[in-house]
């Protein structure tokens, strides 16, 4: 993969997205550890090993989650939108405005509570769809409106 030009003004996602992801991770990690502890008390003490392993893996995932969230970014250029993410496998998606069919803004209950949303760009080829999670709700709306307007302008020019 060739590196994108260095003069691109990358925008990051909201830091609240990290706290949202960490909260969900903590909830699932603690619930799993409690279940393993109950199983250890009722069935076998070997389940204590499972409880400790669940807690250790949850803590390890929390460390990597910070870097994972910071790896997300997007950049608006004249003809296309760039979306990057990934730690081990870096992914750079380039979505030309003229190829977009529609732009979707979604927010589940936890995202809404945090004031966040996800923007998804849909193209004719499903494999080239791109998403930008963890945007402030106002930024997600602005990005959706801008991308929709640019898509219409590019479509008229065809």
C-alpha atoms as a PDB file:
ATOM      1  CA  UNK A   1       0.000   0.000   0.000  1.00  0.00           C
ATOM      2  CA  UNK A   2       1.363   3.407  -0.893  1.00  0.00           C
ATOM      3  CA  UNK A   3       1.235   6.080   1.750  1.00  0.00           C
ATOM      4  CA  UNK A   4      -1.218   8.939   1.248  1.00  0.00           C
ATOM      5  CA  UNK A   5       0.219  12.395   0.561  1.00  0.00           C
ATOM      6  CA  UNK A   6       1.588  14.076   3.667  1.00  0.00           C
ATOM      7  CA  UNK A   7      -0.289  17.343   3.155  1.00  0.00           C
ATOM      8  CA  UNK A   8      -3.679  15.816   3.983  1.00  0.00           C
ATOM      9  CA  UNK A   9      -5.507  17.442   6.901  1.00  0.00           C
ATOM     10  CA  UNK A  10      -6.666  14.371   8.843  1.00  0.00           C
ATOM     11  CA  UNK A  11      -9.522  14.782  11.303  1.00  0.00           C
ATOM     12  CA  UNK A  12      -9.868  12.497  14.315  1.00  0.00           C
ATOM     13  CA  UNK A  13     -12.939  11.021  15.867  1.00  0.00           C
ATOM     14  CA  UNK A  14     -14.232  12.168  19.258  1.00  0.00           C
ATOM     15  CA  UNK A  15     -12.290  11.163  22.398  1.00  0.00           C
ATOM     16  CA  UNK A  16     -15.668  10.263  23.931  1.00  0.00           C
ATOM     17  CA  UNK A  17     -15.764   7.291  21.571  1.00  0.00           C
ATOM     18  CA  UNK A  18     -12.828   5.785  23.482  1.00  0.00           C
ATOM     19  CA  UNK A  19     -14.697   6.170  26.786  1.00  0.00           C
ATOM     20  CA  UNK A  20     -17.800   4.606  25.252  1.00  0.00           C
ATOM     21  CA  UNK A  21     -15.822   1.604  23.964  1.00  0.00           C
ATOM     22  CA  UNK A  22     -13.943   1.246  27.278  1.00  0.00           C
ATOM     23  CA  UNK A  23     -17.235   1.318  29.211  1.00  0.00           C
ATOM     24  CA  UNK A  24     -18.702  -1.457  27.077  1.00  0.00           C
ATOM     25  CA  UNK A  25     -15.491  -3.487  27.395  1.00  0.00           C
ATOM     26  CA  UNK A  26     -15.465  -3.061  31.182  1.00  0.00           C
ATOM     27  CA  UNK A  27     -19.106  -4.132  31.423  1.00  0.00           C
ATOM     28  CA  UNK A  28     -18.563  -7.319  29.390  1.00  0.00           C
ATOM     29  CA  UNK A  29     -15.257  -8.126  31.091  1.00  0.00           C
ATOM     30  CA  UNK A  30     -16.692  -7.779  34.585  1.00  0.00           C
ATOM     31  CA  UNK A  31     -19.856  -9.719  33.703  1.00  0.00           C
ATOM     32  CA  UNK A  32     -17.762 -12.565  32.262  1.00  0.00           C
ATOM     33  CA  UNK A  33     -15.434 -12.579  35.273  1.00  0.00           C
ATOM     34  CA  UNK A  34     -18.377 -12.676  37.681  1.00  0.00           C
ATOM     35  CA  UNK A  35     -19.944 -15.563  35.735  1.00  0.00           C
ATOM     36  CA  UNK A  36     -16.646 -17.486  35.832  1.00  0.00           C
ATOM     37  CA  UNK A  37     -16.310 -16.804  39.572  1.00  0.00           C
ATOM     38  CA  UNK A  38     -19.838 -18.086  40.230  1.00  0.00           C
ATOM     39  CA  UNK A  39     -19.032 -21.175  38.158  1.00  0.00           C
ATOM     40  CA  UNK A  40     -15.862 -21.642  40.232  1.00  0.00           C
ATOM     41  CA  UNK A  41     -17.861 -21.543  43.451  1.00  0.00           C
ATOM     42  CA  UNK A  42     -20.545 -23.905  42.164  1.00  0.00           C
ATOM     43  CA  UNK A  43     -18.691 -26.284  39.835  1.00  0.00           C
ATOM     44  CA  UNK A  44     -14.916 -26.290  39.981  1.00  0.00           C
ATOM     45  CA  UNK A  45     -12.184 -24.043  41.290  1.00  0.00           C
ATOM     46  CA  UNK A  46     -10.551 -24.181  37.837  1.00  0.00           C
ATOM     47  CA  UNK A  47     -13.044 -21.557  36.756  1.00  0.00           C
ATOM     48  CA  UNK A  48     -11.102 -19.068  38.916  1.00  0.00           C
ATOM     49  CA  UNK A  49      -8.325 -19.394  36.334  1.00  0.00           C
ATOM     50  CA  UNK A  50     -10.863 -18.471  33.673  1.00  0.00           C
ATOM     51  CA  UNK A  51     -11.998 -15.440  35.703  1.00  0.00           C
ATOM     52  CA  UNK A  52      -8.402 -14.206  36.049  1.00  0.00           C
ATOM     53  CA  UNK A  53      -7.755 -14.806  32.333  1.00  0.00           C
ATOM     54  CA  UNK A  54     -10.890 -12.843  31.397  1.00  0.00           C
ATOM     55  CA  UNK A  55      -9.770  -9.907  33.548  1.00  0.00           C
ATOM     56  CA  UNK A  56      -6.238 -10.014  32.118  1.00  0.00           C
ATOM     57  CA  UNK A  57      -7.484 -10.134  28.519  1.00  0.00           C
ATOM     58  CA  UNK A  58      -9.928  -7.298  29.210  1.00  0.00           C
ATOM     59  CA  UNK A  59      -7.110  -5.156  30.599  1.00  0.00           C
ATOM     60  CA  UNK A  60      -4.901  -5.967  27.604  1.00  0.00           C
ATOM     61  CA  UNK A  61      -7.703  -5.076  25.191  1.00  0.00           C
ATOM     62  CA  UNK A  62      -8.217  -1.765  27.014  1.00  0.00           C
ATOM     63  CA  UNK A  63      -4.559  -0.866  26.460  1.00  0.00           C
ATOM     64  CA  UNK A  64      -4.798  -1.557  22.725  1.00  0.00           C
ATOM     65  CA  UNK A  65      -8.215   0.072  22.403  1.00  0.00           C
ATOM     66  CA  UNK A  66      -6.739   3.526  22.992  1.00  0.00           C
ATOM     67  CA  UNK A  67      -4.375   3.107  20.050  1.00  0.00           C
ATOM     68  CA  UNK A  68      -7.122   1.542  17.961  1.00  0.00           C
ATOM     69  CA  UNK A  69      -9.470   4.502  18.445  1.00  0.00           C
ATOM     70  CA  UNK A  70      -6.666   6.996  17.775  1.00  0.00           C
ATOM     71  CA  UNK A  71      -5.937   5.225  14.461  1.00  0.00           C
ATOM     72  CA  UNK A  72      -9.330   6.291  13.069  1.00  0.00           C
ATOM     73  CA  UNK A  73      -9.293   9.393  10.902  1.00  0.00           C
ATOM     74  CA  UNK A  74     -10.897  10.947   7.866  1.00  0.00           C
ATOM     75  CA  UNK A  75     -10.024  13.685   5.403  1.00  0.00           C
ATOM     76  CA  UNK A  76     -12.210  15.579   2.988  1.00  0.00           C
ATOM     77  CA  UNK A  77     -10.545  16.345  -0.322  1.00  0.00           C
ATOM     78  CA  UNK A  78     -11.869  18.042  -3.452  1.00  0.00           C
ATOM     79  CA  UNK A  79     -12.907  14.822  -5.241  1.00  0.00           C
ATOM     80  CA  UNK A  80     -13.067  12.154  -2.527  1.00  0.00           C
ATOM     81  CA  UNK A  81     -13.199  11.256   1.145  1.00  0.00           C
ATOM     82  CA  UNK A  82     -10.357   9.318   2.763  1.00  0.00           C
ATOM     83  CA  UNK A  83     -11.002   7.070   5.774  1.00  0.00           C
ATOM     84  CA  UNK A  84      -8.168   5.359   7.646  1.00  0.00           C
ATOM     85  CA  UNK A  85      -8.135   2.912  10.548  1.00  0.00           C
ATOM     86  CA  UNK A  86      -6.416  -0.167  11.905  1.00  0.00           C
ATOM     87  CA  UNK A  87      -3.354  -0.973  13.968  1.00  0.00           C
ATOM     88  CA  UNK A  88      -1.957  -4.284  12.802  1.00  0.00           C
ATOM     89  CA  UNK A  89      -3.592  -4.075   9.392  1.00  0.00           C
ATOM     90  CA  UNK A  90      -3.813  -0.439   8.296  1.00  0.00           C
ATOM     91  CA  UNK A  91      -6.686   0.331   5.961  1.00  0.00           C
ATOM     92  CA  UNK A  92      -7.115   3.416   3.810  1.00  0.00           C
ATOM     93  CA  UNK A  93     -10.430   3.739   1.982  1.00  0.00           C
ATOM     94  CA  UNK A  94     -10.811   6.342  -0.741  1.00  0.00           C
ATOM     95  CA  UNK A  95     -14.435   7.028  -1.651  1.00  0.00           C
ATOM     96  CA  UNK A  96     -14.975   9.332  -4.664  1.00  0.00           C
ATOM     97  CA  UNK A  97     -17.949  11.645  -4.130  1.00  0.00           C
ATOM     98  CA  UNK A  98     -19.306  10.752  -7.573  1.00  0.00           C
ATOM     99  CA  UNK A  99     -19.535   7.043  -6.588  1.00  0.00           C
ATOM    100  CA  UNK A 100     -21.556   7.581  -3.415  1.00  0.00           C
ATOM    101  CA  UNK A 101     -25.151   6.444  -3.567  1.00  0.00           C
ATOM    102  CA  UNK A 102     -26.200   7.620  -0.129  1.00  0.00           C
ATOM    103  CA  UNK A 103     -24.781   8.673   3.212  1.00  0.00           C
ATOM    104  CA  UNK A 104     -26.196   7.208   6.405  1.00  0.00           C
ATOM    105  CA  UNK A 105     -25.915   8.571   9.961  1.00  0.00           C
ATOM    106  CA  UNK A 106     -26.652   6.076  12.739  1.00  0.00           C
ATOM    107  CA  UNK A 107     -26.507   6.283  16.513  1.00  0.00           C
ATOM    108  CA  UNK A 108     -27.396   3.471  18.872  1.00  0.00           C
ATOM    109  CA  UNK A 109     -28.604   4.119  22.417  1.00  0.00           C
ATOM    110  CA  UNK A 110     -25.104   4.312  23.905  1.00  0.00           C
ATOM    111  CA  UNK A 111     -23.839   6.548  21.107  1.00  0.00           C
ATOM    112  CA  UNK A 112     -26.839   8.857  21.532  1.00  0.00           C
ATOM    113  CA  UNK A 113     -26.206   9.047  25.289  1.00  0.00           C
ATOM    114  CA  UNK A 114     -22.603  10.076  24.550  1.00  0.00           C
ATOM    115  CA  UNK A 115     -23.672  12.540  21.829  1.00  0.00           C
ATOM    116  CA  UNK A 116     -21.940  10.516  19.093  1.00  0.00           C
ATOM    117  CA  UNK A 117     -22.911   9.076  15.714  1.00  0.00           C
ATOM    118  CA  UNK A 118     -21.485   6.960  12.891  1.00  0.00           C
ATOM    119  CA  UNK A 119     -21.410   8.145   9.275  1.00  0.00           C
ATOM    120  CA  UNK A 120     -21.529   5.379   6.658  1.00  0.00           C
ATOM    121  CA  UNK A 121     -20.927   6.029   2.966  1.00  0.00           C
ATOM    122  CA  UNK A 122     -22.634   3.576   0.646  1.00  0.00           C
ATOM    123  CA  UNK A 123     -21.432   3.031  -2.908  1.00  0.00           C
ATOM    124  CA  UNK A 124     -22.602   0.802  -5.743  1.00  0.00           C
ATOM    125  CA  UNK A 125     -20.020  -1.815  -4.749  1.00  0.00           C
ATOM    126  CA  UNK A 126     -20.763  -2.970  -1.196  1.00  0.00           C
ATOM    127  CA  UNK A 127     -17.093  -3.801  -0.653  1.00  0.00           C
ATOM    128  CA  UNK A 128     -16.171  -0.134  -1.018  1.00  0.00           C
ATOM    129  CA  UNK A 129     -18.536   1.177   1.678  1.00  0.00           C
ATOM    130  CA  UNK A 130     -16.761   3.163   4.385  1.00  0.00           C
ATOM    131  CA  UNK A 131     -17.728   4.160   7.930  1.00  0.00           C
ATOM    132  CA  UNK A 132     -16.484   6.816  10.320  1.00  0.00           C
ATOM    133  CA  UNK A 133     -17.583   5.970  13.883  1.00  0.00           C
ATOM    134  CA  UNK A 134     -17.420   8.156  16.963  1.00  0.00           C
ATOM    135  CA  UNK A 135     -18.165  11.535  15.441  1.00  0.00           C
ATOM    136  CA  UNK A 136     -19.838  14.267  17.462  1.00  0.00           C
ATOM    137  CA  UNK A 137     -23.516  14.325  16.426  1.00  0.00           C
ATOM    138  CA  UNK A 138     -23.233  17.839  14.961  1.00  0.00           C
ATOM    139  CA  UNK A 139     -20.086  16.897  13.001  1.00  0.00           C
ATOM    140  CA  UNK A 140     -21.781  13.742  11.700  1.00  0.00           C
ATOM    141  CA  UNK A 141     -24.727  15.807  10.460  1.00  0.00           C
ATOM    142  CA  UNK A 142     -22.414  18.375   8.869  1.00  0.00           C
ATOM    143  CA  UNK A 143     -20.364  15.663   7.161  1.00  0.00           C
ATOM    144  CA  UNK A 144     -23.481  13.872   5.910  1.00  0.00           C
ATOM    145  CA  UNK A 145     -24.943  17.083   4.467  1.00  0.00           C
ATOM    146  CA  UNK A 146     -21.647  18.068   2.840  1.00  0.00           C
ATOM    147  CA  UNK A 147     -21.063  14.632   1.330  1.00  0.00           C
ATOM    148  CA  UNK A 148     -24.624  14.462   0.034  1.00  0.00           C
ATOM    149  CA  UNK A 149     -24.268  17.897  -1.573  1.00  0.00           C
ATOM    150  CA  UNK A 150     -20.895  17.027  -3.118  1.00  0.00           C
ATOM    151  CA  UNK A 151     -22.281  13.730  -4.382  1.00  0.00           C
ATOM    152  CA  UNK A 152     -25.175  15.513  -6.084  1.00  0.00           C
ATOM    153  CA  UNK A 153     -22.844  18.066  -7.682  1.00  0.00           C
ATOM    154  CA  UNK A 154     -20.526  15.313  -8.998  1.00  0.00           C
ATOM    155  CA  UNK A 155     -23.514  13.295 -10.224  1.00  0.00           C
ATOM    156  CA  UNK A 156     -24.861  16.278 -12.190  1.00  0.00           C
ATOM    157  CA  UNK A 157     -21.461  16.708 -13.826  1.00  0.00           C
ATOM    158  CA  UNK A 158     -21.497  13.166 -15.282  1.00  0.00           C
END
